[in-house]
Amino acid sequence: MPRPNYKELTDREIVDLIIAIPHNEEAAYYILFYRYRGLLFNIYRYYFGNALYWFDDCLNELFLSLRGTKGEWKSFANFEWRSNLRTWLTKVAKNKFLECYYKMIEIERDGISIEERGGPKEPVDSNRAILMIELMEAIGKLSDESYIFCVIKHLEGYSHKEIADMLKQKWDMDGTIVYNKKKEIVIPSEGYVNVQIQRAKEELRELMHGLK
């Protein structure tokens, strides 16, 4: 069977190739890495700015997510064409790239904690180093000091319970008293740290985009 000329096919025709058995993964690769690469790159830039190093990693993550663990391409199979493929792909990519952005923070944290434990030190990657500099710059601009404290300790590899204990000690030393919406005094807990870090991540997404 001759290889299809994907450039001449409509989105629907390419999706039909993807979901037909045997699945045409080359068609899926064409959709993501060629036809809609520009769209996906703009979505990527919203989260990662000019840190281009991670783009292909994010595309691969999106490809694998759409493929599914068993390679059944159920995401495409379940697409009912109530919108065009571009609109649907935009929504899917935003969710996946945001997930990749959060994963990037975890990678940086794990990289620091491995070195602190005396494990092998990875070669310095200039793109990753630049991204880390931009991340730290954005952290310094967070609107709440507890966000800054919690995220930095998170990157250093401390558990959220340990961060809660350290934050309580810091507040005690500084004489800081924090009230919640019910006017009750807040005592840092693991759950409180979880919330602070999630809020910080949302701000970081906007701040890192604004740095570009």
N, C-alpha and C. Protein backbone atom coordinates (compact mmCIF):
# COMPACT_ATOMS: atom_id res chain seq x y z
N MET A 1 0.85 -1.19 0.00
CA MET A 1 0.00 0.00 0.00
C MET A 1 0.89 1.25 0.00
N PRO A 2 0.67 2.18 -0.94
CA PRO A 2 1.52 3.37 -1.00
C PRO A 2 1.35 4.26 0.21
N ARG A 3 2.42 4.94 0.56
CA ARG A 3 2.40 5.86 1.71
C ARG A 3 1.52 7.06 1.37
N PRO A 4 0.57 7.43 2.26
CA PRO A 4 -0.31 8.57 1.97
C PRO A 4 0.46 9.88 1.88
N ASN A 5 -0.04 10.78 1.05
CA ASN A 5 0.50 12.14 1.01
C ASN A 5 -0.34 12.97 1.97
N TYR A 6 0.16 13.09 3.21
CA TYR A 6 -0.64 13.70 4.28
C TYR A 6 -0.99 15.16 3.99
N LYS A 7 -0.14 15.84 3.24
CA LYS A 7 -0.41 17.24 2.93
C LYS A 7 -1.71 17.42 2.16
N GLU A 8 -2.08 16.41 1.40
CA GLU A 8 -3.28 16.51 0.58
C GLU A 8 -4.53 16.03 1.30
N LEU A 9 -4.38 15.50 2.49
CA LEU A 9 -5.52 14.96 3.24
C LEU A 9 -6.12 15.99 4.18
N THR A 10 -7.42 15.91 4.40
CA THR A 10 -8.08 16.76 5.38
C THR A 10 -7.79 16.23 6.78
N ASP A 11 -8.09 17.04 7.80
CA ASP A 11 -7.92 16.58 9.19
C ASP A 11 -8.74 15.31 9.44
N ARG A 12 -9.96 15.29 8.94
CA ARG A 12 -10.83 14.13 9.19
C ARG A 12 -10.25 12.87 8.54
N GLU A 13 -9.71 13.01 7.35
CA GLU A 13 -9.12 11.86 6.66
C GLU A 13 -7.90 11.34 7.41
N ILE A 14 -7.12 12.25 7.96
CA ILE A 14 -5.94 11.82 8.72
C ILE A 14 -6.36 11.14 10.02
N VAL A 15 -7.36 11.70 10.70
CA VAL A 15 -7.85 11.08 11.94
C VAL A 15 -8.39 9.68 11.64
N ASP A 16 -9.07 9.52 10.50
CA ASP A 16 -9.57 8.19 10.13
C ASP A 16 -8.42 7.20 9.99
N LEU A 17 -7.29 7.64 9.46
CA LEU A 17 -6.13 6.77 9.35
C LEU A 17 -5.58 6.40 10.73
N ILE A 18 -5.64 7.36 11.65
CA ILE A 18 -5.11 7.12 13.00
C ILE A 18 -5.93 6.08 13.74
N ILE A 19 -7.26 6.19 13.64
CA ILE A 19 -8.12 5.32 14.45
C ILE A 19 -8.42 3.98 13.77
N ALA A 20 -8.15 3.88 12.46
CA ALA A 20 -8.36 2.61 11.77
C ALA A 20 -7.35 1.58 12.26
N ILE A 21 -7.72 0.32 12.16
CA ILE A 21 -6.83 -0.77 12.56
C ILE A 21 -6.26 -1.42 11.31
N PRO A 22 -4.93 -1.55 11.18
CA PRO A 22 -3.91 -1.14 12.16
C PRO A 22 -3.76 0.39 12.20
N HIS A 23 -3.51 0.92 13.39
CA HIS A 23 -3.42 2.36 13.59
C HIS A 23 -2.21 2.93 12.84
N ASN A 24 -2.43 4.04 12.19
CA ASN A 24 -1.36 4.71 11.46
C ASN A 24 -0.75 5.79 12.36
N GLU A 25 0.29 5.43 13.10
CA GLU A 25 0.91 6.36 14.04
C GLU A 25 1.68 7.46 13.31
N GLU A 26 2.11 7.17 12.10
CA GLU A 26 2.80 8.18 11.30
C GLU A 26 1.86 9.34 11.01
N ALA A 27 0.57 9.04 10.81
CA ALA A 27 -0.41 10.08 10.57
C ALA A 27 -0.58 10.96 11.79
N ALA A 28 -0.57 10.35 12.97
CA ALA A 28 -0.67 11.12 14.21
C ALA A 28 0.57 12.00 14.39
N TYR A 29 1.72 11.44 14.06
CA TYR A 29 2.97 12.20 14.15
C TYR A 29 2.91 13.41 13.22
N TYR A 30 2.36 13.23 12.03
CA TYR A 30 2.26 14.34 11.07
C TYR A 30 1.36 15.44 11.62
N ILE A 31 0.23 15.06 12.19
CA ILE A 31 -0.71 16.06 12.75
C ILE A 31 -0.02 16.91 13.81
N LEU A 32 0.69 16.28 14.73
CA LEU A 32 1.27 17.00 15.87
C LEU A 32 2.58 17.70 15.53
N PHE A 33 3.45 17.02 14.79
CA PHE A 33 4.80 17.54 14.59
C PHE A 33 4.95 18.37 13.31
N TYR A 34 3.92 18.38 12.46
CA TYR A 34 4.03 19.14 11.23
C TYR A 34 2.83 20.07 11.02
N ARG A 35 1.64 19.51 10.82
CA ARG A 35 0.50 20.35 10.48
C ARG A 35 0.17 21.35 11.57
N TYR A 36 0.17 20.93 12.83
CA TYR A 36 -0.21 21.83 13.92
C TYR A 36 0.96 22.18 14.83
N ARG A 37 2.16 22.04 14.31
CA ARG A 37 3.34 22.37 15.11
C ARG A 37 3.34 23.84 15.53
N GLY A 38 2.98 24.74 14.62
CA GLY A 38 2.95 26.17 14.94
C GLY A 38 1.95 26.48 16.04
N LEU A 39 0.76 25.90 15.96
CA LEU A 39 -0.26 26.08 16.99
C LEU A 39 0.26 25.58 18.34
N LEU A 40 0.82 24.39 18.34
CA LEU A 40 1.30 23.79 19.58
C LEU A 40 2.48 24.56 20.16
N PHE A 41 3.30 25.11 19.27
CA PHE A 41 4.44 25.90 19.74
C PHE A 41 3.96 27.16 20.45
N ASN A 42 2.92 27.81 19.93
CA ASN A 42 2.38 29.01 20.59
C ASN A 42 1.78 28.68 21.95
N ILE A 43 1.13 27.53 22.05
CA ILE A 43 0.59 27.10 23.34
C ILE A 43 1.74 26.82 24.31
N TYR A 44 2.76 26.16 23.82
CA TYR A 44 3.95 25.88 24.64
C TYR A 44 4.56 27.18 25.15
N ARG A 45 4.70 28.17 24.28
CA ARG A 45 5.32 29.44 24.66
C ARG A 45 4.54 30.12 25.77
N TYR A 46 3.23 29.91 25.82
CA TYR A 46 2.43 30.55 26.86
C TYR A 46 2.89 30.10 28.24
N TYR A 47 3.25 28.83 28.35
CA TYR A 47 3.68 28.29 29.65
C TYR A 47 5.19 28.41 29.88
N PHE A 48 5.99 28.21 28.84
CA PHE A 48 7.44 28.11 29.00
C PHE A 48 8.21 29.31 28.46
N GLY A 49 7.53 30.25 27.83
CA GLY A 49 8.21 31.42 27.30
C GLY A 49 9.25 31.04 26.26
N ASN A 50 10.45 31.60 26.39
CA ASN A 50 11.51 31.37 25.41
C ASN A 50 12.41 30.19 25.76
N ALA A 51 12.06 29.44 26.77
CA ALA A 51 12.84 28.24 27.13
C ALA A 51 12.44 27.12 26.17
N LEU A 52 13.05 27.11 24.98
CA LEU A 52 12.61 26.25 23.89
C LEU A 52 13.03 24.79 24.07
N TYR A 53 13.94 24.55 24.98
CA TYR A 53 14.52 23.22 25.14
C TYR A 53 13.47 22.14 25.38
N TRP A 54 12.38 22.49 26.03
CA TRP A 54 11.40 21.50 26.46
C TRP A 54 10.31 21.22 25.43
N PHE A 55 10.33 21.94 24.29
CA PHE A 55 9.20 21.84 23.35
C PHE A 55 9.01 20.43 22.80
N ASP A 56 10.08 19.83 22.30
CA ASP A 56 9.94 18.48 21.74
C ASP A 56 9.54 17.47 22.82
N ASP A 57 10.03 17.68 24.04
CA ASP A 57 9.61 16.80 25.13
C ASP A 57 8.11 16.90 25.36
N CYS A 58 7.59 18.13 25.32
CA CYS A 58 6.15 18.33 25.51
C CYS A 58 5.35 17.72 24.37
N LEU A 59 5.86 17.86 23.14
CA LEU A 59 5.18 17.24 21.99
C LEU A 59 5.14 15.72 22.15
N ASN A 60 6.25 15.15 22.59
CA ASN A 60 6.29 13.70 22.79
C ASN A 60 5.31 13.27 23.88
N GLU A 61 5.23 14.07 24.94
CA GLU A 61 4.27 13.77 26.02
C GLU A 61 2.84 13.81 25.49
N LEU A 62 2.55 14.80 24.66
CA LEU A 62 1.22 14.92 24.07
C LEU A 62 0.92 13.73 23.15
N PHE A 63 1.90 13.37 22.33
CA PHE A 63 1.76 12.22 21.44
C PHE A 63 1.43 10.95 22.22
N LEU A 64 2.21 10.68 23.27
CA LEU A 64 2.01 9.46 24.07
C LEU A 64 0.68 9.49 24.81
N SER A 65 0.28 10.68 25.25
CA SER A 65 -0.99 10.81 25.95
C SER A 65 -2.16 10.48 25.02
N LEU A 66 -2.10 11.00 23.80
CA LEU A 66 -3.16 10.74 22.83
C LEU A 66 -3.13 9.28 22.36
N ARG A 67 -1.94 8.72 22.29
CA ARG A 67 -1.79 7.33 21.87
C ARG A 67 -2.40 6.37 22.87
N GLY A 68 -2.22 6.68 24.17
CA GLY A 68 -2.71 5.79 25.21
C GLY A 68 -1.72 4.68 25.50
N THR A 69 -1.80 4.10 26.68
CA THR A 69 -0.84 3.08 27.10
C THR A 69 -0.89 1.83 26.22
N LYS A 70 -2.04 1.54 25.63
CA LYS A 70 -2.19 0.36 24.78
C LYS A 70 -2.14 0.69 23.29
N GLY A 71 -1.87 1.95 22.97
CA GLY A 71 -1.76 2.34 21.57
C GLY A 71 -3.05 2.30 20.80
N GLU A 72 -4.16 2.57 21.48
CA GLU A 72 -5.47 2.46 20.84
C GLU A 72 -6.00 3.78 20.30
N TRP A 73 -5.32 4.90 20.61
CA TRP A 73 -5.71 6.23 20.11
C TRP A 73 -7.18 6.54 20.41
N LYS A 74 -7.60 6.23 21.64
CA LYS A 74 -9.00 6.44 22.01
C LYS A 74 -9.40 7.92 22.01
N SER A 75 -8.43 8.81 22.30
CA SER A 75 -8.74 10.24 22.30
C SER A 75 -9.24 10.69 20.93
N PHE A 76 -8.54 10.27 19.89
CA PHE A 76 -8.99 10.60 18.53
C PHE A 76 -10.28 9.86 18.18
N ALA A 77 -10.38 8.60 18.61
CA ALA A 77 -11.57 7.80 18.31
C ALA A 77 -12.82 8.40 18.94
N ASN A 78 -12.66 9.02 20.12
CA ASN A 78 -13.80 9.60 20.83
C ASN A 78 -14.12 11.02 20.39
N PHE A 79 -13.27 11.60 19.55
CA PHE A 79 -13.51 12.96 19.05
C PHE A 79 -14.70 12.93 18.10
N GLU A 80 -15.75 13.68 18.39
CA GLU A 80 -17.01 13.60 17.65
C GLU A 80 -17.20 14.73 16.64
N TRP A 81 -16.16 15.56 16.42
CA TRP A 81 -16.21 16.62 15.42
C TRP A 81 -17.30 17.65 15.69
N ARG A 82 -17.59 17.86 16.97
CA ARG A 82 -18.51 18.95 17.33
C ARG A 82 -17.82 20.30 17.19
N SER A 83 -16.50 20.28 17.21
CA SER A 83 -15.68 21.44 16.89
C SER A 83 -14.64 20.97 15.88
N ASN A 84 -13.86 21.89 15.34
CA ASN A 84 -12.82 21.44 14.42
C ASN A 84 -11.63 20.88 15.21
N LEU A 85 -10.76 20.19 14.51
CA LEU A 85 -9.64 19.52 15.18
C LEU A 85 -8.71 20.53 15.84
N ARG A 86 -8.55 21.69 15.23
CA ARG A 86 -7.66 22.72 15.78
C ARG A 86 -8.14 23.16 17.16
N THR A 87 -9.44 23.39 17.30
CA THR A 87 -10.00 23.82 18.59
C THR A 87 -9.83 22.73 19.64
N TRP A 88 -10.15 21.51 19.27
CA TRP A 88 -10.02 20.38 20.20
C TRP A 88 -8.57 20.18 20.62
N LEU A 89 -7.67 20.24 19.66
CA LEU A 89 -6.26 20.02 19.94
C LEU A 89 -5.70 21.13 20.83
N THR A 90 -6.20 22.34 20.66
CA THR A 90 -5.78 23.45 21.52
C THR A 90 -6.10 23.16 22.98
N LYS A 91 -7.31 22.70 23.23
CA LYS A 91 -7.74 22.40 24.59
C LYS A 91 -6.92 21.26 25.19
N VAL A 92 -6.72 20.21 24.41
CA VAL A 92 -5.96 19.05 24.89
C VAL A 92 -4.52 19.43 25.18
N ALA A 93 -3.91 20.22 24.28
CA ALA A 93 -2.51 20.61 24.44
C ALA A 93 -2.32 21.53 25.64
N LYS A 94 -3.26 22.43 25.89
CA LYS A 94 -3.14 23.32 27.05
C LYS A 94 -3.08 22.51 28.34
N ASN A 95 -3.94 21.52 28.45
CA ASN A 95 -3.96 20.69 29.65
C ASN A 95 -2.66 19.90 29.80
N LYS A 96 -2.17 19.32 28.70
CA LYS A 96 -0.96 18.51 28.76
C LYS A 96 0.28 19.36 29.01
N PHE A 97 0.38 20.54 28.37
CA PHE A 97 1.56 21.37 28.54
C PHE A 97 1.61 21.99 29.93
N LEU A 98 0.43 22.28 30.50
CA LEU A 98 0.41 22.77 31.88
C LEU A 98 0.91 21.66 32.82
N GLU A 99 0.51 20.44 32.54
CA GLU A 99 1.00 19.29 33.32
C GLU A 99 2.51 19.16 33.17
N CYS A 100 3.01 19.37 31.95
CA CYS A 100 4.46 19.31 31.71
C CYS A 100 5.19 20.43 32.45
N TYR A 101 4.56 21.59 32.53
CA TYR A 101 5.16 22.73 33.24
C TYR A 101 5.33 22.41 34.71
N TYR A 102 4.30 21.83 35.32
CA TYR A 102 4.40 21.44 36.72
C TYR A 102 5.45 20.35 36.91
N LYS A 103 5.54 19.44 35.93
CA LYS A 103 6.53 18.38 36.01
C LYS A 103 7.94 18.95 35.96
N MET A 104 8.10 20.04 35.19
CA MET A 104 9.41 20.70 35.10
C MET A 104 9.87 21.17 36.47
N ILE A 105 8.95 21.71 37.26
CA ILE A 105 9.29 22.15 38.61
C ILE A 105 9.74 20.96 39.45
N GLU A 106 9.08 19.82 39.27
CA GLU A 106 9.46 18.62 40.02
C GLU A 106 10.83 18.13 39.59
N ILE A 107 11.15 18.22 38.29
CA ILE A 107 12.46 17.80 37.79
C ILE A 107 13.56 18.64 38.41
N GLU A 108 13.33 19.96 38.46
CA GLU A 108 14.34 20.84 39.04
C GLU A 108 14.53 20.52 40.52
N ARG A 109 13.42 20.26 41.22
CA ARG A 109 13.53 19.92 42.63
C ARG A 109 14.31 18.63 42.82
N ASP A 110 13.98 17.60 42.03
CA ASP A 110 14.66 16.32 42.16
C ASP A 110 16.13 16.43 41.79
N GLY A 111 16.44 17.27 40.80
CA GLY A 111 17.82 17.46 40.41
C GLY A 111 18.65 18.02 41.54
N ILE A 112 18.08 18.97 42.31
CA ILE A 112 18.79 19.56 43.43
C ILE A 112 18.94 18.54 44.56
N SER A 113 17.88 17.81 44.84
CA SER A 113 17.93 16.89 45.98
C SER A 113 18.89 15.73 45.71
N ILE A 114 19.00 15.29 44.44
CA ILE A 114 19.94 14.21 44.12
C ILE A 114 21.36 14.66 44.40
N GLU A 115 21.69 15.88 43.99
CA GLU A 115 23.04 16.40 44.20
C GLU A 115 23.34 16.53 45.68
N GLU A 116 22.32 16.99 46.45
CA GLU A 116 22.52 17.17 47.88
C GLU A 116 22.76 15.84 48.58
N ARG A 117 22.21 14.77 48.01
CA ARG A 117 22.39 13.46 48.61
C ARG A 117 23.72 12.83 48.22
N GLY A 118 24.51 13.57 47.41
CA GLY A 118 25.82 13.05 47.02
C GLY A 118 25.78 12.14 45.82
N GLY A 119 24.65 12.12 45.10
CA GLY A 119 24.53 11.29 43.91
C GLY A 119 25.28 11.91 42.74
N PRO A 120 25.25 11.23 41.59
CA PRO A 120 25.98 11.74 40.42
C PRO A 120 25.43 13.08 39.96
N LYS A 121 26.31 13.98 39.64
CA LYS A 121 25.92 15.31 39.19
C LYS A 121 25.81 15.30 37.67
N GLU A 122 24.66 15.73 37.17
CA GLU A 122 24.44 15.76 35.73
C GLU A 122 25.25 16.88 35.09
N PRO A 123 25.69 16.69 33.82
CA PRO A 123 26.37 17.77 33.12
C PRO A 123 25.47 19.00 33.04
N VAL A 124 26.06 20.17 33.12
CA VAL A 124 25.28 21.41 33.07
C VAL A 124 24.73 21.58 31.67
N ASP A 125 23.43 21.77 31.54
CA ASP A 125 22.78 22.04 30.27
C ASP A 125 22.40 23.51 30.26
N SER A 126 22.89 24.25 29.26
CA SER A 126 22.71 25.70 29.27
C SER A 126 21.24 26.09 29.20
N ASN A 127 20.45 25.34 28.42
CA ASN A 127 19.03 25.67 28.32
C ASN A 127 18.31 25.43 29.64
N ARG A 128 18.65 24.32 30.27
CA ARG A 128 18.04 24.02 31.57
C ARG A 128 18.48 25.03 32.61
N ALA A 129 19.74 25.44 32.55
CA ALA A 129 20.25 26.43 33.50
C ALA A 129 19.52 27.76 33.33
N ILE A 130 19.30 28.15 32.08
CA ILE A 130 18.59 29.40 31.82
C ILE A 130 17.16 29.31 32.35
N LEU A 131 16.53 28.16 32.12
CA LEU A 131 15.17 27.97 32.60
C LEU A 131 15.11 28.05 34.11
N MET A 132 16.11 27.49 34.79
CA MET A 132 16.14 27.52 36.24
C MET A 132 16.33 28.95 36.74
N ILE A 133 17.17 29.72 36.06
CA ILE A 133 17.37 31.13 36.43
C ILE A 133 16.06 31.90 36.30
N GLU A 134 15.37 31.66 35.19
CA GLU A 134 14.09 32.34 34.96
C GLU A 134 13.05 31.92 36.01
N LEU A 135 13.09 30.63 36.37
CA LEU A 135 12.17 30.15 37.39
C LEU A 135 12.44 30.82 38.73
N MET A 136 13.71 30.92 39.12
CA MET A 136 14.06 31.54 40.40
C MET A 136 13.72 33.03 40.39
N GLU A 137 13.90 33.68 39.24
CA GLU A 137 13.53 35.09 39.14
C GLU A 137 12.03 35.26 39.34
N ALA A 138 11.25 34.37 38.73
CA ALA A 138 9.80 34.43 38.88
C ALA A 138 9.38 34.15 40.32
N ILE A 139 10.04 33.19 40.96
CA ILE A 139 9.72 32.87 42.36
C ILE A 139 9.90 34.11 43.24
N GLY A 140 10.95 34.87 42.98
CA GLY A 140 11.20 36.08 43.77
C GLY A 140 10.12 37.14 43.62
N LYS A 141 9.31 37.02 42.57
CA LYS A 141 8.25 38.00 42.32
C LYS A 141 6.87 37.54 42.79
N LEU A 142 6.81 36.38 43.43
CA LEU A 142 5.52 35.88 43.92
C LEU A 142 4.92 36.86 44.92
N SER A 143 3.59 36.92 44.93
CA SER A 143 2.89 37.95 45.69
C SER A 143 2.87 37.70 47.20
N ASP A 144 3.15 36.50 47.63
CA ASP A 144 3.05 36.16 49.06
C ASP A 144 4.38 35.56 49.51
N GLU A 145 4.91 36.01 50.64
CA GLU A 145 6.19 35.49 51.12
C GLU A 145 6.12 34.00 51.44
N SER A 146 4.96 33.53 51.88
CA SER A 146 4.84 32.10 52.18
C SER A 146 4.91 31.27 50.90
N TYR A 147 4.43 31.83 49.76
CA TYR A 147 4.56 31.14 48.48
C TYR A 147 6.05 30.94 48.16
N ILE A 148 6.80 32.02 48.32
CA ILE A 148 8.23 31.97 48.02
C ILE A 148 8.93 30.93 48.89
N PHE A 149 8.67 31.01 50.20
CA PHE A 149 9.31 30.09 51.14
C PHE A 149 8.96 28.64 50.80
N CYS A 150 7.67 28.37 50.58
CA CYS A 150 7.22 26.99 50.35
C CYS A 150 7.78 26.43 49.04
N VAL A 151 7.78 27.24 47.97
CA VAL A 151 8.26 26.75 46.68
C VAL A 151 9.76 26.49 46.72
N ILE A 152 10.51 27.37 47.33
CA ILE A 152 11.96 27.19 47.41
C ILE A 152 12.29 25.91 48.21
N LYS A 153 11.64 25.72 49.33
CA LYS A 153 11.88 24.51 50.13
C LYS A 153 11.43 23.27 49.37
N HIS A 154 10.36 23.41 48.58
CA HIS A 154 9.89 22.31 47.74
C HIS A 154 10.96 21.94 46.71
N LEU A 155 11.56 22.94 46.08
CA LEU A 155 12.62 22.70 45.11
C LEU A 155 13.87 22.10 45.75
N GLU A 156 14.09 22.42 47.02
CA GLU A 156 15.25 21.88 47.74
C GLU A 156 15.04 20.42 48.16
N GLY A 157 13.83 19.90 47.94
CA GLY A 157 13.59 18.49 48.19
C GLY A 157 12.93 18.15 49.51
N TYR A 158 12.51 19.14 50.29
CA TYR A 158 11.84 18.87 51.56
C TYR A 158 10.41 18.39 51.32
N SER A 159 9.93 17.53 52.21
CA SER A 159 8.53 17.10 52.13
C SER A 159 7.64 18.25 52.59
N HIS A 160 6.38 18.18 52.24
CA HIS A 160 5.47 19.26 52.62
C HIS A 160 5.26 19.32 54.14
N LYS A 161 5.37 18.19 54.80
CA LYS A 161 5.28 18.19 56.26
C LYS A 161 6.48 18.91 56.86
N GLU A 162 7.66 18.64 56.31
CA GLU A 162 8.87 19.32 56.79
C GLU A 162 8.79 20.83 56.53
N ILE A 163 8.25 21.19 55.38
CA ILE A 163 8.11 22.62 55.05
C ILE A 163 7.15 23.29 56.02
N ALA A 164 6.08 22.60 56.38
CA ALA A 164 5.12 23.16 57.34
C ALA A 164 5.80 23.43 58.68
N ASP A 165 6.61 22.49 59.14
CA ASP A 165 7.33 22.67 60.41
C ASP A 165 8.29 23.86 60.34
N MET A 166 9.01 23.96 59.22
CA MET A 166 9.96 25.07 59.06
C MET A 166 9.24 26.41 58.95
N LEU A 167 8.10 26.42 58.27
CA LEU A 167 7.33 27.67 58.13
C LEU A 167 6.81 28.12 59.49
N LYS A 168 6.36 27.17 60.31
CA LYS A 168 5.90 27.52 61.65
C LYS A 168 7.03 28.12 62.47
N GLN A 169 8.22 27.51 62.40
CA GLN A 169 9.37 28.05 63.11
C GLN A 169 9.71 29.46 62.63
N LYS A 170 9.63 29.65 61.33
CA LYS A 170 9.93 30.97 60.76
C LYS A 170 8.93 32.01 61.27
N TRP A 171 7.66 31.66 61.24
CA TRP A 171 6.64 32.60 61.72
C TRP A 171 6.84 32.91 63.20
N ASP A 172 7.18 31.89 63.99
CA ASP A 172 7.41 32.09 65.42
C ASP A 172 8.58 33.05 65.65
N MET A 173 9.65 32.86 64.89
CA MET A 173 10.83 33.71 65.04
C MET A 173 10.55 35.15 64.58
N ASP A 174 9.75 35.28 63.51
CA ASP A 174 9.46 36.61 62.97
C ASP A 174 8.31 37.30 63.68
N GLY A 175 7.61 36.56 64.53
CA GLY A 175 6.42 37.11 65.18
C GLY A 175 5.27 37.29 64.21
N THR A 176 5.24 36.46 63.17
CA THR A 176 4.20 36.56 62.14
C THR A 176 2.95 35.81 62.57
N ILE A 177 1.81 36.46 62.42
CA ILE A 177 0.52 35.83 62.70
C ILE A 177 -0.33 35.94 61.43
N VAL A 178 -0.80 34.81 60.94
CA VAL A 178 -1.61 34.78 59.72
C VAL A 178 -3.01 34.30 60.06
N TYR A 179 -4.01 35.00 59.51
CA TYR A 179 -5.41 34.64 59.75
C TYR A 179 -6.04 34.11 58.46
N ASN A 180 -6.95 33.17 58.61
CA ASN A 180 -7.69 32.70 57.45
C ASN A 180 -8.95 33.55 57.25
N LYS A 181 -9.79 33.17 56.31
CA LYS A 181 -10.99 33.97 56.00
C LYS A 181 -11.98 34.01 57.16
N LYS A 182 -11.89 33.04 58.05
CA LYS A 182 -12.77 33.01 59.21
C LYS A 182 -12.17 33.75 60.40
N LYS A 183 -11.08 34.47 60.16
CA LYS A 183 -10.38 35.23 61.19
C LYS A 183 -9.77 34.33 62.26
N GLU A 184 -9.47 33.08 61.87
CA GLU A 184 -8.81 32.15 62.78
C GLU A 184 -7.31 32.15 62.50
N ILE A 185 -6.53 31.96 63.55
CA ILE A 185 -5.07 31.93 63.38
C ILE A 185 -4.67 30.66 62.64
N VAL A 186 -3.85 30.84 61.62
CA VAL A 186 -3.40 29.71 60.81
C VAL A 186 -2.16 29.07 61.44
N ILE A 187 -2.20 27.76 61.58
CA ILE A 187 -1.03 27.00 62.02
C ILE A 187 -0.59 26.17 60.82
N PRO A 188 0.61 26.40 60.30
CA PRO A 188 1.05 25.69 59.09
C PRO A 188 0.94 24.17 59.23
N SER A 189 0.37 23.55 58.22
CA SER A 189 0.23 22.10 58.19
C SER A 189 0.61 21.62 56.79
N GLU A 190 0.67 20.33 56.62
CA GLU A 190 1.00 19.77 55.31
C GLU A 190 -0.03 20.21 54.27
N GLY A 191 -1.31 20.20 54.67
CA GLY A 191 -2.37 20.64 53.76
C GLY A 191 -2.24 22.11 53.39
N TYR A 192 -1.86 22.95 54.36
CA TYR A 192 -1.67 24.37 54.10
C TYR A 192 -0.55 24.59 53.09
N VAL A 193 0.54 23.84 53.26
CA VAL A 193 1.68 23.96 52.33
C VAL A 193 1.26 23.50 50.93
N ASN A 194 0.49 22.44 50.85
CA ASN A 194 0.00 21.98 49.54
C ASN A 194 -0.73 23.09 48.81
N VAL A 195 -1.62 23.77 49.53
CA VAL A 195 -2.40 24.85 48.93
C VAL A 195 -1.50 26.00 48.51
N GLN A 196 -0.55 26.37 49.36
CA GLN A 196 0.36 27.47 49.04
C GLN A 196 1.16 27.18 47.77
N ILE A 197 1.62 25.95 47.65
CA ILE A 197 2.43 25.60 46.48
C ILE A 197 1.59 25.58 45.21
N GLN A 198 0.36 25.10 45.30
CA GLN A 198 -0.51 25.09 44.12
C GLN A 198 -0.82 26.52 43.67
N ARG A 199 -1.08 27.40 44.63
CA ARG A 199 -1.33 28.80 44.28
C ARG A 199 -0.09 29.45 43.69
N ALA A 200 1.06 29.10 44.24
CA ALA A 200 2.32 29.64 43.74
C ALA A 200 2.56 29.19 42.30
N LYS A 201 2.25 27.93 42.00
CA LYS A 201 2.43 27.42 40.65
C LYS A 201 1.58 28.18 39.64
N GLU A 202 0.36 28.51 40.03
CA GLU A 202 -0.51 29.28 39.14
C GLU A 202 0.09 30.66 38.86
N GLU A 203 0.61 31.30 39.90
CA GLU A 203 1.25 32.60 39.71
C GLU A 203 2.51 32.47 38.87
N LEU A 204 3.28 31.41 39.09
CA LEU A 204 4.52 31.22 38.35
C LEU A 204 4.28 31.08 36.86
N ARG A 205 3.21 30.42 36.51
CA ARG A 205 2.88 30.28 35.09
C ARG A 205 2.73 31.64 34.44
N GLU A 206 2.00 32.55 35.11
CA GLU A 206 1.80 33.88 34.57
C GLU A 206 3.08 34.71 34.61
N LEU A 207 3.82 34.58 35.71
CA LEU A 207 5.04 35.38 35.86
C LEU A 207 6.11 34.98 34.85
N MET A 208 6.27 33.68 34.62
CA MET A 208 7.29 33.24 33.67
C MET A 208 6.93 33.64 32.25
N HIS A 209 5.64 33.67 31.96
CA HIS A 209 5.21 34.16 30.65
C HIS A 209 5.50 35.65 30.54
N GLY A 210 5.33 36.37 31.63
CA GLY A 210 5.55 37.81 31.62
C GLY A 210 7.01 38.20 31.55
N LEU A 211 7.91 37.26 31.88
CA LEU A 211 9.34 37.56 31.82
C LEU A 211 9.85 37.64 30.39
N LYS A 212 9.06 37.11 29.45
CA LYS A 212 9.54 37.07 28.07
C LYS A 212 9.27 38.38 27.35
